[in-house]
Amino acid sequence: MNTPPPPTPASGRRSADDDTTDRNEREFDVVFALDPLDEAIDVAFLALKGAQHAARTTSDAAPAATLRGEWRTHNVLLRQSLRLIDERVQDLAKAVKRLPRSG
């Protein structure tokens, strides 16, 4: 004889509403991960604009040490902004992986 499995206690059962809520929360995680990524991209653009501005406004007669100093500063800013973008992309990828598979 086939015996039905023992009933799951009420605390262990999940309703369809719980599954929908869980999926919606995961979708919101993706949406919320996009905003910091967008901000990180804005930071990178600002760092790049700053580097371009510094390159254009530094006079040709400026000492080499001044040019190297400006280059180092903007190089560090660009690298940090790219690292920030990378971190935010990883956060977004984790949120996307948590989404339920369809089909």
PDB file of N, CA and C in Angstrom:
ATOM      1  N   MET A   1       0.816  -1.179   0.000  1.00  0.00           N
ATOM      2  CA  MET A   1       0.000   0.000   0.000  1.00  0.00           C
ATOM      3  C   MET A   1       0.860   1.241   0.000  1.00  0.00           C
ATOM      4  N   ASN A   2       0.360   2.212  -0.695  1.00  0.00           N
ATOM      5  CA  ASN A   2       1.047   3.497  -0.698  1.00  0.00           C
ATOM      6  C   ASN A   2       0.498   4.341   0.427  1.00  0.00           C
ATOM      7  N   THR A   3       1.376   4.710   1.305  1.00  0.00           N
ATOM      8  CA  THR A   3       0.932   5.578   2.396  1.00  0.00           C
ATOM      9  C   THR A   3       1.324   6.998   2.066  1.00  0.00           C
ATOM     10  N   PRO A   4       0.421   7.922   2.255  1.00  0.00           N
ATOM     11  CA  PRO A   4       0.759   9.317   1.976  1.00  0.00           C
ATOM     12  C   PRO A   4       1.807   9.808   2.956  1.00  0.00           C
ATOM     13  N   PRO A   5       2.604  10.759   2.516  1.00  0.00           N
ATOM     14  CA  PRO A   5       3.613  11.302   3.440  1.00  0.00           C
ATOM     15  C   PRO A   5       2.925  11.990   4.600  1.00  0.00           C
ATOM     16  N   PRO A   6       3.594  12.034   5.730  1.00  0.00           N
ATOM     17  CA  PRO A   6       2.983  12.702   6.878  1.00  0.00           C
ATOM     18  C   PRO A   6       2.734  14.176   6.562  1.00  0.00           C
ATOM     19  N   PRO A   7       1.674  14.721   7.101  1.00  0.00           N
ATOM     20  CA  PRO A   7       1.388  16.138   6.808  1.00  0.00           C
ATOM     21  C   PRO A   7       2.497  17.040   7.346  1.00  0.00           C
ATOM     22  N   THR A   8       2.809  18.032   6.558  1.00  0.00           N
ATOM     23  CA  THR A   8       3.817  19.002   6.965  1.00  0.00           C
ATOM     24  C   THR A   8       3.193  19.936   7.992  1.00  0.00           C
ATOM     25  N   PRO A   9       3.900  20.206   9.062  1.00  0.00           N
ATOM     26  CA  PRO A   9       3.334  21.135  10.039  1.00  0.00           C
ATOM     27  C   PRO A   9       3.077  22.494   9.388  1.00  0.00           C
ATOM     28  N   ALA A  10       2.140  23.225   9.916  1.00  0.00           N
ATOM     29  CA  ALA A  10       1.757  24.519   9.344  1.00  0.00           C
ATOM     30  C   ALA A  10       2.954  25.452   9.243  1.00  0.00           C
ATOM     31  N   SER A  11       3.868  25.349  10.188  1.00  0.00           N
ATOM     32  CA  SER A  11       5.023  26.256  10.159  1.00  0.00           C
ATOM     33  C   SER A  11       5.971  25.926   9.020  1.00  0.00           C
ATOM     34  N   GLY A  12       5.938  24.689   8.470  1.00  0.00           N
ATOM     35  CA  GLY A  12       6.848  24.294   7.413  1.00  0.00           C
ATOM     36  C   GLY A  12       6.255  24.399   6.027  1.00  0.00           C
ATOM     37  N   ARG A  13       4.970  24.662   5.946  1.00  0.00           N
ATOM     38  CA  ARG A  13       4.322  24.760   4.631  1.00  0.00           C
ATOM     39  C   ARG A  13       4.537  26.132   4.026  1.00  0.00           C
ATOM     40  N   ARG A  14       4.658  26.145   2.713  1.00  0.00           N
ATOM     41  CA  ARG A  14       4.777  27.414   1.981  1.00  0.00           C
ATOM     42  C   ARG A  14       3.596  27.523   1.055  1.00  0.00           C
ATOM     43  N   SER A  15       2.985  28.645   1.066  1.00  0.00           N
ATOM     44  CA  SER A  15       1.858  28.844   0.162  1.00  0.00           C
ATOM     45  C   SER A  15       2.358  29.453  -1.147  1.00  0.00           C
ATOM     46  N   ALA A  16       1.477  29.483  -2.118  1.00  0.00           N
ATOM     47  CA  ALA A  16       1.824  30.110  -3.401  1.00  0.00           C
ATOM     48  C   ALA A  16       2.121  31.587  -3.191  1.00  0.00           C
ATOM     49  N   ASP A  17       1.416  32.201  -2.242  1.00  0.00           N
ATOM     50  CA  ASP A  17       1.678  33.614  -1.951  1.00  0.00           C
ATOM     51  C   ASP A  17       3.093  33.817  -1.418  1.00  0.00           C
ATOM     52  N   ASP A  18       3.565  32.878  -0.583  1.00  0.00           N
ATOM     53  CA  ASP A  18       4.932  32.980  -0.060  1.00  0.00           C
ATOM     54  C   ASP A  18       5.945  32.889  -1.191  1.00  0.00           C
ATOM     55  N   ASP A  19       5.709  31.975  -2.146  1.00  0.00           N
ATOM     56  CA  ASP A  19       6.621  31.836  -3.276  1.00  0.00           C
ATOM     57  C   ASP A  19       6.636  33.099  -4.123  1.00  0.00           C
ATOM     58  N   THR A  20       5.463  33.693  -4.336  1.00  0.00           N
ATOM     59  CA  THR A  20       5.374  34.919  -5.120  1.00  0.00           C
ATOM     60  C   THR A  20       6.087  36.056  -4.400  1.00  0.00           C
ATOM     61  N   THR A  21       5.886  36.143  -3.103  1.00  0.00           N
ATOM     62  CA  THR A  21       6.549  37.193  -2.320  1.00  0.00           C
ATOM     63  C   THR A  21       8.053  37.017  -2.377  1.00  0.00           C
ATOM     64  N   ASP A  22       8.523  35.768  -2.233  1.00  0.00           N
ATOM     65  CA  ASP A  22       9.956  35.496  -2.281  1.00  0.00           C
ATOM     66  C   ASP A  22      10.530  35.881  -3.649  1.00  0.00           C
ATOM     67  N   ARG A  23       9.829  35.532  -4.732  1.00  0.00           N
ATOM     68  CA  ARG A  23      10.295  35.874  -6.076  1.00  0.00           C
ATOM     69  C   ARG A  23      10.317  37.389  -6.250  1.00  0.00           C
ATOM     70  N   ASN A  24       9.272  38.065  -5.757  1.00  0.00           N
ATOM     71  CA  ASN A  24       9.231  39.525  -5.874  1.00  0.00           C
ATOM     72  C   ASN A  24      10.374  40.175  -5.118  1.00  0.00           C
ATOM     73  N   GLU A  25      10.699  39.636  -3.938  1.00  0.00           N
ATOM     74  CA  GLU A  25      11.818  40.186  -3.169  1.00  0.00           C
ATOM     75  C   GLU A  25      13.129  40.013  -3.919  1.00  0.00           C
ATOM     76  N   ARG A  26      13.283  38.873  -4.583  1.00  0.00           N
ATOM     77  CA  ARG A  26      14.509  38.653  -5.354  1.00  0.00           C
ATOM     78  C   ARG A  26      14.575  39.596  -6.544  1.00  0.00           C
ATOM     79  N   GLU A  27      13.439  39.854  -7.160  1.00  0.00           N
ATOM     80  CA  GLU A  27      13.414  40.799  -8.277  1.00  0.00           C
ATOM     81  C   GLU A  27      13.755  42.197  -7.797  1.00  0.00           C
ATOM     82  N   PHE A  28      13.260  42.559  -6.610  1.00  0.00           N
ATOM     83  CA  PHE A  28      13.601  43.868  -6.047  1.00  0.00           C
ATOM     84  C   PHE A  28      15.094  43.943  -5.745  1.00  0.00           C
ATOM     85  N   ASP A  29      15.697  42.825  -5.330  1.00  0.00           N
ATOM     86  CA  ASP A  29      17.148  42.816  -5.086  1.00  0.00           C
ATOM     87  C   ASP A  29      17.910  43.208  -6.342  1.00  0.00           C
ATOM     88  N   VAL A  30      17.439  42.723  -7.495  1.00  0.00           N
ATOM     89  CA  VAL A  30      18.085  43.067  -8.768  1.00  0.00           C
ATOM     90  C   VAL A  30      17.917  44.561  -9.039  1.00  0.00           C
ATOM     91  N   VAL A  31      16.695  45.047  -8.854  1.00  0.00           N
ATOM     92  CA  VAL A  31      16.430  46.470  -9.091  1.00  0.00           C
ATOM     93  C   VAL A  31      17.279  47.327  -8.159  1.00  0.00           C
ATOM     94  N   PHE A  32      17.364  46.921  -6.893  1.00  0.00           N
ATOM     95  CA  PHE A  32      18.143  47.696  -5.931  1.00  0.00           C
ATOM     96  C   PHE A  32      19.645  47.597  -6.198  1.00  0.00           C
ATOM     97  N   ALA A  33      20.100  46.547  -6.861  1.00  0.00           N
ATOM     98  CA  ALA A  33      21.519  46.412  -7.199  1.00  0.00           C
ATOM     99  C   ALA A  33      21.891  47.283  -8.397  1.00  0.00           C
ATOM    100  N   LEU A  34      20.908  47.673  -9.184  1.00  0.00           N
ATOM    101  CA  LEU A  34      21.193  48.507 -10.359  1.00  0.00           C
ATOM    102  C   LEU A  34      21.558  49.937  -9.978  1.00  0.00           C
ATOM    103  N   ASP A  35      20.937  50.468  -8.940  1.00  0.00           N
ATOM    104  CA  ASP A  35      21.178  51.860  -8.566  1.00  0.00           C
ATOM    105  C   ASP A  35      22.632  52.112  -8.156  1.00  0.00           C
ATOM    106  N   PRO A  36      23.229  51.292  -7.281  1.00  0.00           N
ATOM    107  CA  PRO A  36      24.644  51.517  -6.954  1.00  0.00           C
ATOM    108  C   PRO A  36      25.565  51.345  -8.163  1.00  0.00           C
ATOM    109  N   LEU A  37      25.195  50.452  -9.079  1.00  0.00           N
ATOM    110  CA  LEU A  37      25.997  50.291 -10.296  1.00  0.00           C
ATOM    111  C   LEU A  37      25.932  51.560 -11.129  1.00  0.00           C
ATOM    112  N   ASP A  38      24.750  52.124 -11.249  1.00  0.00           N
ATOM    113  CA  ASP A  38      24.588  53.369 -11.996  1.00  0.00           C
ATOM    114  C   ASP A  38      25.422  54.487 -11.368  1.00  0.00           C
ATOM    115  N   GLU A  39      25.410  54.554 -10.042  1.00  0.00           N
ATOM    116  CA  GLU A  39      26.207  55.574  -9.356  1.00  0.00           C
ATOM    117  C   GLU A  39      27.704  55.343  -9.566  1.00  0.00           C
ATOM    118  N   ALA A  40      28.128  54.089  -9.561  1.00  0.00           N
ATOM    119  CA  ALA A  40      29.548  53.784  -9.779  1.00  0.00           C
ATOM    120  C   ALA A  40      29.980  54.194 -11.183  1.00  0.00           C
ATOM    121  N   ILE A  41      29.104  53.987 -12.151  1.00  0.00           N
ATOM    122  CA  ILE A  41      29.418  54.400 -13.525  1.00  0.00           C
ATOM    123  C   ILE A  41      29.519  55.919 -13.601  1.00  0.00           C
ATOM    124  N   ASP A  42      28.629  56.623 -12.892  1.00  0.00           N
ATOM    125  CA  ASP A  42      28.712  58.088 -12.843  1.00  0.00           C
ATOM    126  C   ASP A  42      30.043  58.547 -12.253  1.00  0.00           C
ATOM    127  N   VAL A  43      30.485  57.870 -11.205  1.00  0.00           N
ATOM    128  CA  VAL A  43      31.766  58.216 -10.577  1.00  0.00           C
ATOM    129  C   VAL A  43      32.905  58.024 -11.573  1.00  0.00           C
ATOM    130  N   ALA A  44      32.864  56.937 -12.334  1.00  0.00           N
ATOM    131  CA  ALA A  44      33.914  56.685 -13.326  1.00  0.00           C
ATOM    132  C   ALA A  44      33.930  57.770 -14.395  1.00  0.00           C
ATOM    133  N   PHE A  45      32.740  58.180 -14.855  1.00  0.00           N
ATOM    134  CA  PHE A  45      32.690  59.249 -15.853  1.00  0.00           C
ATOM    135  C   PHE A  45      33.246  60.552 -15.292  1.00  0.00           C
ATOM    136  N   LEU A  46      32.932  60.855 -14.037  1.00  0.00           N
ATOM    137  CA  LEU A  46      33.468  62.068 -13.421  1.00  0.00           C
ATOM    138  C   LEU A  46      34.986  61.993 -13.281  1.00  0.00           C
ATOM    139  N   ALA A  47      35.498  60.834 -12.922  1.00  0.00           N
ATOM    140  CA  ALA A  47      36.954  60.672 -12.811  1.00  0.00           C
ATOM    141  C   ALA A  47      37.609  60.854 -14.174  1.00  0.00           C
ATOM    142  N   LEU A  48      37.001  60.309 -15.199  1.00  0.00           N
ATOM    143  CA  LEU A  48      37.540  60.459 -16.550  1.00  0.00           C
ATOM    144  C   LEU A  48      37.486  61.917 -16.999  1.00  0.00           C
ATOM    145  N   LYS A  49      36.374  62.594 -16.739  1.00  0.00           N
ATOM    146  CA  LYS A  49      36.255  64.016 -17.095  1.00  0.00           C
ATOM    147  C   LYS A  49      37.321  64.830 -16.366  1.00  0.00           C
ATOM    148  N   GLY A  50      37.555  64.508 -15.087  1.00  0.00           N
ATOM    149  CA  GLY A  50      38.585  65.206 -14.327  1.00  0.00           C
ATOM    150  C   GLY A  50      39.965  65.008 -14.916  1.00  0.00           C
ATOM    151  N   ALA A  51      40.248  63.788 -15.347  1.00  0.00           N
ATOM    152  CA  ALA A  51      41.546  63.501 -15.973  1.00  0.00           C
ATOM    153  C   ALA A  51      41.688  64.261 -17.290  1.00  0.00           C
ATOM    154  N   GLN A  52      40.625  64.284 -18.080  1.00  0.00           N
ATOM    155  CA  GLN A  52      40.669  65.027 -19.341  1.00  0.00           C
ATOM    156  C   GLN A  52      40.876  66.519 -19.094  1.00  0.00           C
ATOM    157  N   HIS A  53      40.161  67.045 -18.113  1.00  0.00           N
ATOM    158  CA  HIS A  53      40.283  68.473 -17.792  1.00  0.00           C
ATOM    159  C   HIS A  53      41.711  68.796 -17.341  1.00  0.00           C
ATOM    160  N   ALA A  54      42.257  67.939 -16.490  1.00  0.00           N
ATOM    161  CA  ALA A  54      43.626  68.175 -16.010  1.00  0.00           C
ATOM    162  C   ALA A  54      44.617  68.116 -17.161  1.00  0.00           C
ATOM    163  N   ALA A  55      44.433  67.193 -18.075  1.00  0.00           N
ATOM    164  CA  ALA A  55      45.354  67.083 -19.218  1.00  0.00           C
ATOM    165  C   ALA A  55      45.256  68.308 -20.121  1.00  0.00           C
ATOM    166  N   ARG A  56      44.060  68.832 -20.277  1.00  0.00           N
ATOM    167  CA  ARG A  56      43.877  69.992 -21.162  1.00  0.00           C
ATOM    168  C   ARG A  56      44.356  71.288 -20.538  1.00  0.00           C
ATOM    169  N   THR A  57      44.244  71.398 -19.220  1.00  0.00           N
ATOM    170  CA  THR A  57      44.543  72.677 -18.572  1.00  0.00           C
ATOM    171  C   THR A  57      45.986  72.787 -18.075  1.00  0.00           C
ATOM    172  N   THR A  58      46.713  71.687 -18.047  1.00  0.00           N
ATOM    173  CA  THR A  58      48.112  71.751 -17.611  1.00  0.00           C
ATOM    174  C   THR A  58      48.930  72.377 -18.733  1.00  0.00           C
ATOM    175  N   SER A  59      49.642  73.397 -18.385  1.00  0.00           N
ATOM    176  CA  SER A  59      50.406  74.104 -19.431  1.00  0.00           C
ATOM    177  C   SER A  59      51.595  73.257 -19.906  1.00  0.00           C
ATOM    178  N   ASP A  60      51.995  73.537 -21.109  1.00  0.00           N
ATOM    179  CA  ASP A  60      53.148  72.838 -21.689  1.00  0.00           C
ATOM    180  C   ASP A  60      54.439  73.172 -20.940  1.00  0.00           C
ATOM    181  N   ALA A  61      54.451  74.308 -20.272  1.00  0.00           N
ATOM    182  CA  ALA A  61      55.648  74.736 -19.555  1.00  0.00           C
ATOM    183  C   ALA A  61      55.708  74.180 -18.132  1.00  0.00           C
ATOM    184  N   ALA A  62      54.692  73.424 -17.739  1.00  0.00           N
ATOM    185  CA  ALA A  62      54.664  72.879 -16.371  1.00  0.00           C
ATOM    186  C   ALA A  62      55.792  71.870 -16.199  1.00  0.00           C
ATOM    187  N   PRO A  63      56.351  71.820 -15.009  1.00  0.00           N
ATOM    188  CA  PRO A  63      57.435  70.854 -14.767  1.00  0.00           C
ATOM    189  C   PRO A  63      56.915  69.415 -14.891  1.00  0.00           C
ATOM    190  N   ALA A  64      57.823  68.523 -15.221  1.00  0.00           N
ATOM    191  CA  ALA A  64      57.450  67.114 -15.396  1.00  0.00           C
ATOM    192  C   ALA A  64      56.865  66.531 -14.113  1.00  0.00           C
ATOM    193  N   ALA A  65      57.349  66.970 -12.967  1.00  0.00           N
ATOM    194  CA  ALA A  65      56.836  66.466 -11.691  1.00  0.00           C
ATOM    195  C   ALA A  65      55.351  66.807 -11.526  1.00  0.00           C
ATOM    196  N   THR A  66      54.960  67.978 -11.994  1.00  0.00           N
ATOM    197  CA  THR A  66      53.556  68.384 -11.927  1.00  0.00           C
ATOM    198  C   THR A  66      52.701  67.473 -12.801  1.00  0.00           C
ATOM    199  N   LEU A  67      53.188  67.214 -13.997  1.00  0.00           N
ATOM    200  CA  LEU A  67      52.455  66.329 -14.909  1.00  0.00           C
ATOM    201  C   LEU A  67      52.324  64.923 -14.333  1.00  0.00           C
ATOM    202  N   ARG A  68      53.427  64.403 -13.766  1.00  0.00           N
ATOM    203  CA  ARG A  68      53.387  63.065 -13.170  1.00  0.00           C
ATOM    204  C   ARG A  68      52.427  63.027 -11.981  1.00  0.00           C
ATOM    205  N   GLY A  69      52.448  64.068 -11.186  1.00  0.00           N
ATOM    206  CA  GLY A  69      51.545  64.131 -10.029  1.00  0.00           C
ATOM    207  C   GLY A  69      50.084  64.130 -10.447  1.00  0.00           C
ATOM    208  N   GLU A  70      49.773  64.929 -11.454  1.00  0.00           N
ATOM    209  CA  GLU A  70      48.394  64.965 -11.973  1.00  0.00           C
ATOM    210  C   GLU A  70      48.010  63.608 -12.551  1.00  0.00           C
ATOM    211  N   TRP A  71      48.936  63.008 -13.298  1.00  0.00           N
ATOM    212  CA  TRP A  71      48.649  61.720 -13.913  1.00  0.00           C
ATOM    213  C   TRP A  71      48.385  60.661 -12.842  1.00  0.00           C
ATOM    214  N   ARG A  72      49.235  60.634 -11.799  1.00  0.00           N
ATOM    215  CA  ARG A  72      49.056  59.646 -10.722  1.00  0.00           C
ATOM    216  C   ARG A  72      47.711  59.824 -10.029  1.00  0.00           C
ATOM    217  N   THR A  73      47.376  61.048  -9.716  1.00  0.00           N
ATOM    218  CA  THR A  73      46.116  61.316  -9.027  1.00  0.00           C
ATOM    219  C   THR A  73      44.926  60.812  -9.828  1.00  0.00           C
ATOM    220  N   HIS A  74      44.896  61.153 -11.085  1.00  0.00           N
ATOM    221  CA  HIS A  74      43.751  60.758 -11.909  1.00  0.00           C
ATOM    222  C   HIS A  74      43.780  59.274 -12.265  1.00  0.00           C
ATOM    223  N   ASN A  75      44.967  58.721 -12.361  1.00  0.00           N
ATOM    224  CA  ASN A  75      45.082  57.293 -12.598  1.00  0.00           C
ATOM    225  C   ASN A  75      44.487  56.516 -11.414  1.00  0.00           C
ATOM    226  N   VAL A  76      44.813  56.948 -10.206  1.00  0.00           N
ATOM    227  CA  VAL A  76      44.277  56.297  -9.008  1.00  0.00           C
ATOM    228  C   VAL A  76      42.754  56.441  -8.966  1.00  0.00           C
ATOM    229  N   LEU A  77      42.252  57.629  -9.260  1.00  0.00           N
ATOM    230  CA  LEU A  77      40.806  57.834  -9.248  1.00  0.00           C
ATOM    231  C   LEU A  77      40.092  56.946 -10.271  1.00  0.00           C
ATOM    232  N   LEU A  78      40.653  56.849 -11.457  1.00  0.00           N
ATOM    233  CA  LEU A  78      40.053  55.994 -12.488  1.00  0.00           C
ATOM    234  C   LEU A  78      40.091  54.523 -12.083  1.00  0.00           C
ATOM    235  N   ARG A  79      41.220  54.075 -11.558  1.00  0.00           N
ATOM    236  CA  ARG A  79      41.320  52.676 -11.136  1.00  0.00           C
ATOM    237  C   ARG A  79      40.331  52.352 -10.025  1.00  0.00           C
ATOM    238  N   GLN A  80      40.213  53.240  -9.066  1.00  0.00           N
ATOM    239  CA  GLN A  80      39.276  53.014  -7.969  1.00  0.00           C
ATOM    240  C   GLN A  80      37.829  52.993  -8.468  1.00  0.00           C
ATOM    241  N   SER A  81      37.523  53.882  -9.392  1.00  0.00           N
ATOM    242  CA  SER A  81      36.149  53.897  -9.911  1.00  0.00           C
ATOM    243  C   SER A  81      35.864  52.630 -10.711  1.00  0.00           C
ATOM    244  N   LEU A  82      36.860  52.109 -11.419  1.00  0.00           N
ATOM    245  CA  LEU A  82      36.658  50.848 -12.145  1.00  0.00           C
ATOM    246  C   LEU A  82      36.503  49.672 -11.179  1.00  0.00           C
ATOM    247  N   ARG A  83      37.236  49.689 -10.089  1.00  0.00           N
ATOM    248  CA  ARG A  83      37.052  48.645  -9.056  1.00  0.00           C
ATOM    249  C   ARG A  83      35.656  48.719  -8.459  1.00  0.00           C
ATOM    250  N   LEU A  84      35.200  49.937  -8.231  1.00  0.00           N
ATOM    251  CA  LEU A  84      33.852  50.121  -7.691  1.00  0.00           C
ATOM    252  C   LEU A  84      32.804  49.565  -8.657  1.00  0.00           C
ATOM    253  N   ILE A  85      32.986  49.834  -9.943  1.00  0.00           N
ATOM    254  CA  ILE A  85      32.064  49.298 -10.947  1.00  0.00           C
ATOM    255  C   ILE A  85      32.108  47.770 -10.910  1.00  0.00           C
ATOM    256  N   ASP A  86      33.294  47.207 -10.835  1.00  0.00           N
ATOM    257  CA  ASP A  86      33.426  45.753 -10.802  1.00  0.00           C
ATOM    258  C   ASP A  86      32.697  45.157  -9.599  1.00  0.00           C
ATOM    259  N   GLU A  87      32.845  45.775  -8.434  1.00  0.00           N
ATOM    260  CA  GLU A  87      32.149  45.296  -7.232  1.00  0.00           C
ATOM    261  C   GLU A  87      30.639  45.354  -7.416  1.00  0.00           C
ATOM    262  N   ARG A  88      30.175  46.448  -7.994  1.00  0.00           N
ATOM    263  CA  ARG A  88      28.727  46.602  -8.187  1.00  0.00           C
ATOM    264  C   ARG A  88      28.184  45.610  -9.210  1.00  0.00           C
ATOM    265  N   VAL A  89      28.972  45.317 -10.246  1.00  0.00           N
ATOM    266  CA  VAL A  89      28.557  44.315 -11.231  1.00  0.00           C
ATOM    267  C   VAL A  89      28.487  42.942 -10.560  1.00  0.00           C
ATOM    268  N   GLN A  90      29.434  42.640  -9.693  1.00  0.00           N
ATOM    269  CA  GLN A  90      29.394  41.361  -8.970  1.00  0.00           C
ATOM    270  C   GLN A  90      28.163  41.274  -8.075  1.00  0.00           C
ATOM    271  N   ASP A  91      27.819  42.366  -7.399  1.00  0.00           N
ATOM    272  CA  ASP A  91      26.607  42.386  -6.568  1.00  0.00           C
ATOM    273  C   ASP A  91      25.363  42.150  -7.422  1.00  0.00           C
ATOM    274  N   LEU A  92      25.330  42.784  -8.585  1.00  0.00           N
ATOM    275  CA  LEU A  92      24.201  42.601  -9.492  1.00  0.00           C
ATOM    276  C   LEU A  92      24.137  41.159  -9.986  1.00  0.00           C
ATOM    277  N   ALA A  93      25.270  40.586 -10.327  1.00  0.00           N
ATOM    278  CA  ALA A  93      25.299  39.201 -10.798  1.00  0.00           C
ATOM    279  C   ALA A  93      24.798  38.246  -9.722  1.00  0.00           C
ATOM    280  N   LYS A  94      25.153  38.493  -8.468  1.00  0.00           N
ATOM    281  CA  LYS A  94      24.661  37.651  -7.371  1.00  0.00           C
ATOM    282  C   LYS A  94      23.144  37.765  -7.248  1.00  0.00           C
ATOM    283  N   ALA A  95      22.634  38.977  -7.373  1.00  0.00           N
ATOM    284  CA  ALA A  95      21.180  39.174  -7.279  1.00  0.00           C
ATOM    285  C   ALA A  95      20.462  38.476  -8.429  1.00  0.00           C
ATOM    286  N   VAL A  96      21.048  38.522  -9.609  1.00  0.00           N
ATOM    287  CA  VAL A  96      20.433  37.862 -10.774  1.00  0.00           C
ATOM    288  C   VAL A  96      20.462  36.348 -10.597  1.00  0.00           C
ATOM    289  N   LYS A  97      21.549  35.817 -10.063  1.00  0.00           N
ATOM    290  CA  LYS A  97      21.644  34.368  -9.846  1.00  0.00           C
ATOM    291  C   LYS A  97      20.608  33.870  -8.857  1.00  0.00           C
ATOM    292  N   ARG A  98      20.182  34.719  -7.931  1.00  0.00           N
ATOM    293  CA  ARG A  98      19.194  34.308  -6.940  1.00  0.00           C
ATOM    294  C   ARG A  98      17.775  34.276  -7.515  1.00  0.00           C
ATOM    295  N   LEU A  99      17.604  34.833  -8.701  1.00  0.00           N
ATOM    296  CA  LEU A  99      16.276  34.814  -9.328  1.00  0.00           C
ATOM    297  C   LEU A  99      15.886  33.379  -9.669  1.00  0.00           C
ATOM    298  N   PRO A 100      14.610  33.039  -9.535  1.00  0.00           N
ATOM    299  CA  PRO A 100      14.196  31.683  -9.899  1.00  0.00           C
ATOM    300  C   PRO A 100      14.278  31.504 -11.411  1.00  0.00           C
ATOM    301  N   ARG A 101      14.615  30.322 -11.807  1.00  0.00           N
ATOM    302  CA  ARG A 101      14.691  29.993 -13.231  1.00  0.00           C
ATOM    303  C   ARG A 101      13.279  29.819 -13.773  1.00  0.00           C
ATOM    304  N   SER A 102      13.031  30.345 -14.949  1.00  0.00           N
ATOM    305  CA  SER A 102      11.713  30.169 -15.553  1.00  0.00           C
ATOM    306  C   SER A 102      11.786  29.029 -16.571  1.00  0.00           C
ATOM    307  N   GLY A 103      10.670  28.370 -16.732  1.00  0.00           N
ATOM    308  CA  GLY A 103      10.605  27.338 -17.760  1.00  0.00           C
ATOM    309  C   GLY A 103      10.805  26.021 -17.260  1.00  0.00           C
TER     310      GLY A 103
END
